N, C-alpha and C. Protein backbone atom coordinates (compact mmCIF):
# COMPACT_ATOMS: atom_id res chain seq x y z
N MET A 1 57.40 -23.83 190.01
CA MET A 1 56.38 -23.02 190.66
C MET A 1 56.99 -21.74 191.25
N ILE A 2 58.01 -21.88 192.06
CA ILE A 2 58.65 -20.70 192.66
C ILE A 2 59.33 -19.86 191.59
N PHE A 3 59.92 -20.56 190.59
CA PHE A 3 60.56 -19.84 189.49
C PHE A 3 59.55 -18.97 188.76
N ASP A 4 58.34 -19.48 188.55
CA ASP A 4 57.29 -18.71 187.89
C ASP A 4 56.91 -17.47 188.69
N ILE A 5 56.88 -17.58 190.00
CA ILE A 5 56.55 -16.42 190.85
C ILE A 5 57.64 -15.37 190.74
N PHE A 6 58.91 -15.81 190.76
CA PHE A 6 60.01 -14.85 190.62
C PHE A 6 59.99 -14.17 189.26
N MET A 7 59.66 -14.92 188.22
CA MET A 7 59.56 -14.34 186.89
C MET A 7 58.43 -13.31 186.82
N GLN A 8 57.31 -13.61 187.45
CA GLN A 8 56.20 -12.66 187.45
C GLN A 8 56.56 -11.40 188.22
N ILE A 9 57.29 -11.55 189.32
CA ILE A 9 57.75 -10.39 190.08
C ILE A 9 58.70 -9.56 189.22
N ALA A 10 59.62 -10.21 188.54
CA ALA A 10 60.57 -9.51 187.68
C ALA A 10 59.86 -8.76 186.56
N ILE A 11 58.89 -9.42 185.94
CA ILE A 11 58.14 -8.77 184.86
C ILE A 11 57.36 -7.58 185.38
N PHE A 12 56.73 -7.74 186.56
CA PHE A 12 56.00 -6.62 187.15
C PHE A 12 56.94 -5.47 187.44
N LEU A 13 58.11 -5.74 188.02
CA LEU A 13 59.07 -4.67 188.32
C LEU A 13 59.52 -3.95 187.06
N VAL A 14 59.78 -4.69 186.02
CA VAL A 14 60.22 -4.08 184.76
C VAL A 14 59.13 -3.17 184.20
N TYR A 15 57.90 -3.66 184.16
CA TYR A 15 56.81 -2.83 183.63
C TYR A 15 56.54 -1.61 184.51
N PHE A 16 56.58 -1.80 185.81
CA PHE A 16 56.37 -0.68 186.73
C PHE A 16 57.45 0.38 186.56
N LEU A 17 58.69 -0.04 186.53
CA LEU A 17 59.79 0.91 186.36
C LEU A 17 59.76 1.58 184.99
N GLN A 18 59.36 0.82 183.98
CA GLN A 18 59.24 1.39 182.65
C GLN A 18 58.20 2.50 182.62
N MET A 19 57.07 2.26 183.27
CA MET A 19 56.03 3.29 183.35
C MET A 19 56.49 4.50 184.16
N LEU A 20 57.12 4.24 185.29
CA LEU A 20 57.59 5.32 186.15
C LEU A 20 58.63 6.19 185.44
N PHE A 21 59.63 5.56 184.85
CA PHE A 21 60.65 6.32 184.15
C PHE A 21 60.06 7.03 182.93
N GLY A 22 59.13 6.38 182.26
CA GLY A 22 58.47 7.02 181.12
C GLY A 22 57.69 8.26 181.52
N LEU A 23 56.99 8.19 182.64
CA LEU A 23 56.26 9.37 183.12
C LEU A 23 57.20 10.51 183.48
N VAL A 24 58.31 10.19 184.11
CA VAL A 24 59.28 11.24 184.47
C VAL A 24 59.89 11.84 183.19
N GLU A 25 60.19 11.00 182.21
CA GLU A 25 60.74 11.51 180.96
C GLU A 25 59.74 12.43 180.26
N TRP A 26 58.46 12.05 180.26
CA TRP A 26 57.44 12.91 179.67
C TRP A 26 57.33 14.24 180.43
N CYS A 27 57.45 14.18 181.75
CA CYS A 27 57.42 15.42 182.54
C CYS A 27 58.58 16.33 182.17
N VAL A 28 59.75 15.76 181.96
CA VAL A 28 60.91 16.57 181.55
C VAL A 28 60.65 17.20 180.19
N LEU A 29 60.17 16.41 179.24
CA LEU A 29 59.90 16.94 177.90
C LEU A 29 58.82 18.02 177.92
N LEU A 30 57.75 17.78 178.67
CA LEU A 30 56.69 18.79 178.76
C LEU A 30 57.17 20.04 179.47
N ALA A 31 58.00 19.90 180.47
CA ALA A 31 58.54 21.08 181.17
C ALA A 31 59.42 21.89 180.23
N VAL A 32 60.19 21.23 179.40
CA VAL A 32 61.03 21.95 178.42
C VAL A 32 60.15 22.71 177.44
N LEU A 33 59.15 22.03 176.89
CA LEU A 33 58.26 22.71 175.93
C LEU A 33 57.50 23.85 176.60
N TYR A 34 57.05 23.61 177.81
CA TYR A 34 56.31 24.64 178.54
C TYR A 34 57.20 25.85 178.80
N SER A 35 58.48 25.61 179.10
CA SER A 35 59.39 26.72 179.38
C SER A 35 59.68 27.53 178.12
N TRP A 36 59.57 26.92 176.96
CA TRP A 36 59.79 27.67 175.72
C TRP A 36 58.61 28.58 175.40
N PHE A 37 57.39 28.11 175.63
CA PHE A 37 56.22 28.85 175.21
C PHE A 37 55.59 29.70 176.31
N ARG A 38 55.70 29.27 177.56
CA ARG A 38 55.14 30.03 178.68
C ARG A 38 56.12 29.94 179.85
N PRO A 39 57.25 30.63 179.76
CA PRO A 39 58.32 30.43 180.74
C PRO A 39 57.98 30.88 182.16
N HIS A 40 57.12 31.85 182.33
CA HIS A 40 56.84 32.38 183.68
C HIS A 40 55.39 32.14 184.08
N SER A 41 54.85 31.04 183.65
CA SER A 41 53.46 30.72 183.96
C SER A 41 53.33 30.27 185.41
N ALA A 42 52.18 30.56 185.99
CA ALA A 42 51.90 30.15 187.37
C ALA A 42 50.76 29.15 187.41
N SER A 43 50.54 28.46 186.31
CA SER A 43 49.44 27.49 186.27
C SER A 43 49.76 26.29 187.15
N PRO A 44 48.74 25.61 187.65
CA PRO A 44 48.97 24.42 188.48
C PRO A 44 49.73 23.32 187.72
N PHE A 45 49.45 23.18 186.44
CA PHE A 45 50.15 22.17 185.65
C PHE A 45 51.64 22.46 185.57
N HIS A 46 51.98 23.72 185.35
CA HIS A 46 53.39 24.12 185.28
C HIS A 46 54.06 23.93 186.64
N ARG A 47 53.38 24.25 187.70
CA ARG A 47 53.95 24.05 189.05
C ARG A 47 54.17 22.56 189.31
N PHE A 48 53.23 21.72 188.87
CA PHE A 48 53.41 20.29 189.03
C PHE A 48 54.63 19.79 188.26
N LEU A 49 54.76 20.20 187.00
CA LEU A 49 55.91 19.79 186.22
C LEU A 49 57.22 20.22 186.87
N ARG A 50 57.23 21.46 187.35
CA ARG A 50 58.45 21.96 187.99
C ARG A 50 58.75 21.20 189.27
N SER A 51 57.73 20.82 190.00
CA SER A 51 57.97 20.07 191.24
C SER A 51 58.54 18.68 190.96
N VAL A 52 58.25 18.14 189.78
CA VAL A 52 58.79 16.83 189.41
C VAL A 52 60.21 16.96 188.87
N VAL A 53 60.45 17.93 188.00
CA VAL A 53 61.74 17.97 187.30
C VAL A 53 62.80 18.81 188.00
N ASP A 54 62.43 19.80 188.78
CA ASP A 54 63.43 20.66 189.41
C ASP A 54 64.40 19.91 190.34
N PRO A 55 63.95 18.96 191.15
CA PRO A 55 64.94 18.22 191.95
C PRO A 55 65.96 17.47 191.08
N LEU A 56 65.51 16.96 189.95
CA LEU A 56 66.44 16.28 189.04
C LEU A 56 67.40 17.27 188.40
N TYR A 57 66.88 18.42 188.01
CA TYR A 57 67.73 19.46 187.42
C TYR A 57 68.79 19.93 188.42
N ARG A 58 68.40 20.08 189.69
CA ARG A 58 69.35 20.55 190.70
C ARG A 58 70.54 19.62 190.84
N ILE A 59 70.27 18.32 190.76
CA ILE A 59 71.37 17.34 190.86
C ILE A 59 72.36 17.57 189.73
N VAL A 60 71.85 17.74 188.51
CA VAL A 60 72.72 17.94 187.35
C VAL A 60 73.41 19.29 187.42
N ARG A 61 72.70 20.33 187.85
CA ARG A 61 73.28 21.69 187.88
C ARG A 61 74.37 21.83 188.93
N ARG A 62 74.40 20.95 189.93
CA ARG A 62 75.52 20.97 190.87
C ARG A 62 76.82 20.59 190.17
N VAL A 63 76.71 19.68 189.21
CA VAL A 63 77.89 19.22 188.49
C VAL A 63 78.21 20.12 187.31
N ILE A 64 77.20 20.44 186.51
CA ILE A 64 77.38 21.26 185.31
C ILE A 64 76.42 22.45 185.39
N PRO A 65 76.94 23.64 185.68
CA PRO A 65 76.06 24.81 185.74
C PRO A 65 75.55 25.19 184.35
N PRO A 66 74.44 25.95 184.30
CA PRO A 66 73.93 26.39 182.99
C PRO A 66 74.98 27.23 182.26
N LEU A 67 75.04 27.06 180.95
CA LEU A 67 76.00 27.78 180.11
C LEU A 67 75.32 28.99 179.50
N GLY A 68 75.15 30.03 180.31
CA GLY A 68 74.44 31.22 179.84
C GLY A 68 72.99 30.90 179.57
N PRO A 69 72.52 31.20 178.34
CA PRO A 69 71.11 30.91 178.05
C PRO A 69 70.86 29.43 177.73
N ILE A 70 71.91 28.65 177.62
CA ILE A 70 71.76 27.24 177.27
C ILE A 70 71.81 26.40 178.54
N ASP A 71 70.75 25.65 178.78
CA ASP A 71 70.68 24.78 179.95
C ASP A 71 70.66 23.33 179.47
N LEU A 72 71.73 22.62 179.76
CA LEU A 72 71.85 21.24 179.32
C LEU A 72 71.24 20.24 180.30
N SER A 73 70.74 20.72 181.43
CA SER A 73 70.25 19.81 182.45
C SER A 73 69.10 18.91 181.98
N PRO A 74 68.13 19.38 181.18
CA PRO A 74 67.09 18.44 180.73
C PRO A 74 67.65 17.29 179.89
N ILE A 75 68.59 17.59 179.02
CA ILE A 75 69.19 16.55 178.19
C ILE A 75 69.95 15.55 179.06
N LEU A 76 70.70 16.07 180.01
CA LEU A 76 71.48 15.20 180.88
C LEU A 76 70.58 14.39 181.81
N VAL A 77 69.46 14.98 182.24
CA VAL A 77 68.51 14.23 183.07
C VAL A 77 67.91 13.08 182.26
N LEU A 78 67.52 13.34 181.02
CA LEU A 78 66.97 12.27 180.18
C LEU A 78 68.00 11.18 179.94
N PHE A 79 69.23 11.58 179.67
CA PHE A 79 70.29 10.60 179.46
C PHE A 79 70.53 9.79 180.74
N GLY A 80 70.58 10.47 181.88
CA GLY A 80 70.79 9.80 183.15
C GLY A 80 69.66 8.85 183.51
N LEU A 81 68.42 9.25 183.23
CA LEU A 81 67.28 8.37 183.49
C LEU A 81 67.35 7.10 182.65
N GLU A 82 67.70 7.26 181.39
CA GLU A 82 67.81 6.08 180.53
C GLU A 82 68.95 5.18 180.99
N LEU A 83 70.06 5.77 181.36
CA LEU A 83 71.19 4.99 181.85
C LEU A 83 70.83 4.24 183.14
N LEU A 84 70.15 4.93 184.05
CA LEU A 84 69.73 4.31 185.30
C LEU A 84 68.73 3.19 185.04
N PHE A 85 67.79 3.40 184.13
CA PHE A 85 66.80 2.38 183.80
C PHE A 85 67.48 1.13 183.24
N GLN A 86 68.44 1.32 182.33
CA GLN A 86 69.15 0.17 181.76
C GLN A 86 69.94 -0.57 182.83
N LEU A 87 70.54 0.16 183.75
CA LEU A 87 71.28 -0.46 184.84
C LEU A 87 70.35 -1.29 185.73
N ILE A 88 69.19 -0.73 186.06
CA ILE A 88 68.23 -1.45 186.89
C ILE A 88 67.70 -2.69 186.16
N LEU A 89 67.47 -2.58 184.86
CA LEU A 89 67.04 -3.75 184.07
C LEU A 89 68.06 -4.86 184.13
N ARG A 90 69.32 -4.51 184.00
CA ARG A 90 70.38 -5.54 184.07
C ARG A 90 70.45 -6.16 185.45
N LEU A 91 70.27 -5.35 186.49
CA LEU A 91 70.27 -5.90 187.84
C LEU A 91 69.09 -6.86 188.05
N ILE A 92 67.93 -6.46 187.58
CA ILE A 92 66.74 -7.32 187.72
C ILE A 92 66.95 -8.62 186.96
N SER A 93 67.49 -8.53 185.76
CA SER A 93 67.69 -9.77 185.00
C SER A 93 68.77 -10.64 185.63
N ALA A 94 69.75 -10.04 186.27
CA ALA A 94 70.79 -10.84 186.94
C ALA A 94 70.24 -11.50 188.20
N ILE A 95 69.33 -10.84 188.88
CA ILE A 95 68.79 -11.38 190.14
C ILE A 95 67.72 -12.43 189.87
N PHE A 96 66.78 -12.13 189.00
CA PHE A 96 65.60 -12.97 188.84
C PHE A 96 65.70 -14.02 187.74
N VAL A 97 66.62 -13.86 186.84
CA VAL A 97 66.65 -14.81 185.70
C VAL A 97 67.82 -15.74 185.83
């Protein structure tokens, strides 16, 4: 009985984190595409995307500054998000299973 509750909590956490990380990844991808086609837009959607991804970009840019016109921060943010998600999945499986 208690084991079933812990398993349900673990499954809920995994699905919740999967959705959360997926939404952030989509925001990064949309921000990249938006910056290619409308780089200086002031639309509310663009401001929302920037408010989500800019704090993540800043973390990466402290370590690796942009290389002229090439900005690797979106790629590194996506890689870091996937790495963090996999780490959290392993922690959840170690704790609950």
